[in-house]
Amino acid sequence: YTYGKPLPLTEPPFVAIETSAALLTTYCGIHVDPQMHVINVFGERINGLYAAGEVTGGVHGASSVSGTGFAKAFAMGRIAVESITEQI
């Protein structure tokens, strides 16, 4: 296997692209309760405000699992929608 091993570049054309670093995930974010209500700095729910996905941060604790952002958004989004519809 050649996965993870550099391969020699022996034949042109050689191409280069400019790249930069990016932040893909965070370890902190908006505080939410189990129903995805956003919690203010006083520990109180902000009525009508919900959050889901990476914006909530802290889901993985001390480590982050790449590629799970959509799964978190879908799962937390569903919880938020269920919470909203229970109030209607």
Protein backbone atom coordinates (compact mmCIF):
# COMPACT_ATOMS: atom_id res chain seq x y z
CA TYR A 1 0.00 0.00 0.00
CA THR A 2 1.09 3.56 -0.62
CA TYR A 3 -1.39 5.20 1.73
CA GLY A 4 0.35 7.78 3.87
CA LYS A 5 3.68 7.41 2.07
CA PRO A 6 5.00 10.18 -0.19
CA LEU A 7 5.26 9.14 -3.83
CA PRO A 8 8.05 10.43 -6.04
CA LEU A 9 7.07 12.99 -8.68
CA THR A 10 8.97 11.94 -11.77
CA GLU A 11 7.02 13.20 -14.79
CA PRO A 12 5.71 16.68 -15.54
CA PRO A 13 3.41 18.52 -15.58
CA PHE A 14 3.95 19.46 -11.96
CA VAL A 15 1.21 21.56 -10.40
CA ALA A 16 1.21 23.62 -7.19
CA ILE A 17 -1.68 25.25 -5.39
CA GLU A 18 -1.74 27.81 -2.61
CA THR A 19 -3.22 26.46 0.62
CA SER A 20 -3.88 27.77 4.10
CA ALA A 21 -4.87 26.39 7.47
CA ALA A 22 -8.52 26.14 8.45
CA LEU A 23 -10.45 25.56 11.66
CA LEU A 24 -12.70 22.56 11.12
CA THR A 25 -14.11 22.05 14.58
CA THR A 26 -14.15 23.67 17.99
CA TYR A 27 -14.11 22.43 21.56
CA CYS A 28 -16.50 25.03 22.88
CA GLY A 29 -19.63 26.76 21.72
CA ILE A 30 -23.13 27.82 22.60
CA HIS A 31 -24.43 26.16 25.79
CA VAL A 32 -27.57 24.08 25.22
CA ASP A 33 -29.76 21.84 27.35
CA PRO A 34 -30.70 18.27 26.30
CA GLN A 35 -33.61 19.65 24.24
CA MET A 36 -31.20 21.99 22.36
CA HIS A 37 -32.57 25.20 23.92
CA VAL A 38 -29.80 27.81 24.04
CA ILE A 39 -28.82 28.66 27.62
CA ASN A 40 -27.71 32.19 28.56
CA VAL A 41 -24.83 33.11 30.90
CA PHE A 42 -27.24 33.00 33.85
CA GLY A 43 -28.17 29.36 33.15
CA GLU A 44 -31.61 30.27 31.79
CA ARG A 45 -33.22 29.17 28.53
CA ILE A 46 -33.51 31.80 25.80
CA ASN A 47 -37.10 31.31 24.64
CA GLY A 48 -37.41 30.31 21.00
CA LEU A 49 -33.66 29.97 20.41
CA TYR A 50 -32.19 26.55 19.61
CA ALA A 51 -28.77 25.39 18.43
CA ALA A 52 -27.50 22.22 16.76
CA GLY A 53 -24.29 20.79 15.34
CA GLU A 54 -20.75 22.17 15.61
CA VAL A 55 -21.92 25.53 16.96
CA THR A 56 -22.69 23.80 20.26
CA GLY A 57 -19.14 22.39 20.60
CA GLY A 58 -17.92 20.07 23.30
CA VAL A 59 -19.70 16.95 22.04
CA HIS A 60 -16.53 14.85 21.90
CA GLY A 61 -14.94 15.99 25.13
CA ALA A 62 -11.15 16.00 24.93
CA SER A 63 -10.96 14.82 21.32
CA SER A 64 -12.82 15.38 18.09
CA VAL A 65 -13.78 12.80 15.49
CA SER A 66 -13.41 14.28 12.00
CA GLY A 67 -16.33 13.92 9.64
CA THR A 68 -19.03 13.76 12.28
CA GLY A 69 -20.30 17.33 11.89
CA PHE A 70 -23.26 16.38 9.70
CA ALA A 71 -24.30 13.55 12.02
CA LYS A 72 -24.28 15.91 15.02
CA ALA A 73 -26.23 18.55 13.10
CA PHE A 74 -28.85 16.01 11.98
CA ALA A 75 -29.26 14.41 15.40
CA MET A 76 -29.31 17.67 17.35
CA GLY A 77 -31.51 19.30 14.72
CA ARG A 78 -34.06 16.54 15.10
CA ILE A 79 -34.05 16.97 18.87
CA ALA A 80 -34.53 20.73 18.45
CA VAL A 81 -37.45 20.22 16.03
CA GLU A 82 -39.09 17.75 18.42
CA SER A 83 -38.69 20.28 21.25
CA ILE A 84 -40.23 23.03 19.11
CA THR A 85 -43.18 20.92 17.99
CA GLU A 86 -43.97 19.87 21.57
CA GLN A 87 -44.61 23.54 22.34
CA ILE A 88 -47.10 24.03 19.49
